Protein backbone atom coordinates (compact mmCIF):
# COMPACT_ATOMS: atom_id res chain seq x y z
CA MET A 1 121.10 115.62 118.94
CA PRO A 2 121.27 119.03 120.78
CA ARG A 3 123.25 122.26 119.94
CA ILE A 4 125.97 122.04 122.81
CA ILE A 5 126.73 125.66 123.19
CA GLY A 6 129.63 125.54 124.54
CA PHE A 7 131.34 124.15 127.55
CA ARG A 8 134.76 124.84 129.76
CA GLU A 9 138.42 122.13 130.98
CA GLY A 10 139.36 122.39 134.59
CA ASN A 11 141.89 124.33 136.11
CA GLY A 12 144.39 122.70 134.53
CA ARG A 13 143.69 119.89 137.06
CA ILE A 14 144.51 115.73 135.47
CA ASN A 15 141.36 115.16 135.10
CA SER A 16 139.77 113.68 133.19
CA MET A 17 135.86 114.78 133.31
CA CYS A 18 135.82 119.03 131.85
CA GLU A 19 133.60 120.87 134.11
CA SER A 20 130.31 122.40 132.85
CA VAL A 21 128.65 121.79 129.29
CA THR A 22 125.45 124.54 127.49
CA PHE A 23 123.37 123.50 125.12
CA GLU A 24 119.98 123.91 124.27
CA PRO A 25 117.81 120.31 124.05
CA LYS A 26 115.00 120.40 120.62
CA SER A 27 112.94 117.83 122.66
CA LEU A 28 112.57 115.34 125.20
CA ALA A 29 114.05 112.86 123.36
CA ASP A 30 116.90 114.83 122.54
CA LEU A 31 117.01 116.53 126.18
CA ASN A 32 117.38 112.24 128.10
CA LYS A 33 119.83 110.78 125.29
CA PHE A 34 121.82 113.25 125.39
CA LEU A 35 121.95 113.21 130.05
CA GLU A 36 122.00 108.92 129.27
CA GLU A 37 125.58 109.96 127.24
CA ASN A 38 126.78 113.36 128.66
CA LYS A 39 126.19 111.95 132.68
CA GLY A 40 129.31 111.01 133.93
CA SER A 41 131.38 112.93 131.20
CA TYR A 42 130.91 116.53 132.87
CA HIS A 43 130.73 118.05 136.16
CA GLU A 44 127.92 119.85 135.64
CA ILE A 45 125.16 120.35 133.11
CA TRP A 46 123.75 123.47 132.05
CA VAL A 47 119.91 123.14 130.07
CA ILE A 48 118.44 125.78 128.21
CA ILE A 49 114.06 125.88 127.97
CA THR A 50 112.59 128.31 126.91
CA ASN A 51 109.97 131.18 129.86
CA LYS A 52 106.71 129.54 130.13
CA LYS A 53 105.78 132.79 129.56
CA SER A 54 108.46 132.99 126.13
CA ALA A 55 107.08 130.63 124.50
CA ASN A 56 103.76 128.45 123.76
CA PRO A 57 103.97 126.10 123.60
CA GLN A 58 107.39 125.11 126.00
CA VAL A 59 109.78 122.49 123.77
CA ILE A 60 110.70 121.73 127.49
CA MET A 61 109.42 122.63 130.07
CA PHE A 62 110.77 122.99 133.70
CA ASP A 63 109.60 119.54 135.61
CA GLN A 64 110.17 118.03 132.83
CA VAL A 65 114.19 118.70 132.51
CA VAL A 66 113.82 117.76 136.37
CA SER A 67 111.89 114.77 136.48
CA GLU A 68 114.52 113.59 133.21
CA ALA A 69 117.49 114.31 135.59
CA LYS A 70 115.77 112.69 138.58
CA LYS A 71 116.24 109.60 136.26
CA GLN A 72 119.24 109.88 135.61
CA GLY A 73 120.29 110.37 138.93
CA LEU A 74 121.19 113.68 138.87
CA ILE A 75 119.47 116.97 141.01
CA ASP A 76 118.91 120.49 139.81
CA SER A 77 120.35 122.91 142.13
CA ARG A 78 120.19 126.70 140.11
CA ILE A 79 118.99 128.18 137.56
CA LYS A 80 120.11 131.99 135.29
CA ASN A 81 118.08 133.51 133.55
CA VAL A 82 120.07 133.70 129.37
CA ASP A 83 117.83 136.76 128.39
CA GLU A 84 114.12 137.71 128.96
CA LYS A 85 113.06 134.21 126.93
CA ARG A 86 115.80 132.09 128.57
CA CYS A 87 116.24 130.22 131.36
CA MET A 88 118.72 128.00 131.63
CA ILE A 89 118.89 124.93 135.05
CA ARG A 90 122.64 123.43 136.12
CA LEU A 91 121.83 119.50 136.26
CA THR A 92 124.96 117.58 138.34
CA LYS A 93 124.66 114.43 139.84
CA ARG A 94 123.13 113.53 143.16
CA ILE A 95 125.62 112.20 145.79
CA LYS A 96 124.80 109.49 147.66
CA PRO A 97 125.56 110.66 152.28
CA LYS A 98 127.82 108.16 153.25
CA ALA A 99 126.64 105.67 156.31
């Protein structure tokens, strides 16, 4: 199970979905399980990974996060640096355009 770093709740609105969660999975299986179980519980999910230059081998690569997100109906939209060794990727639900 991934370590959940923290989460923010909505701005006083009545909403069953929390605004965001940030976590650092320890394996690709952890990421897949967490996304499957929690994609409907949060508006955004921030996944923390180690930068390519800082880890050898890298536990989870950026491309793997994006691939797993797409399988779960999520998209990546933003990347932020956590520190000099880690970054986090923002995942949100894919919104289908109305025809």
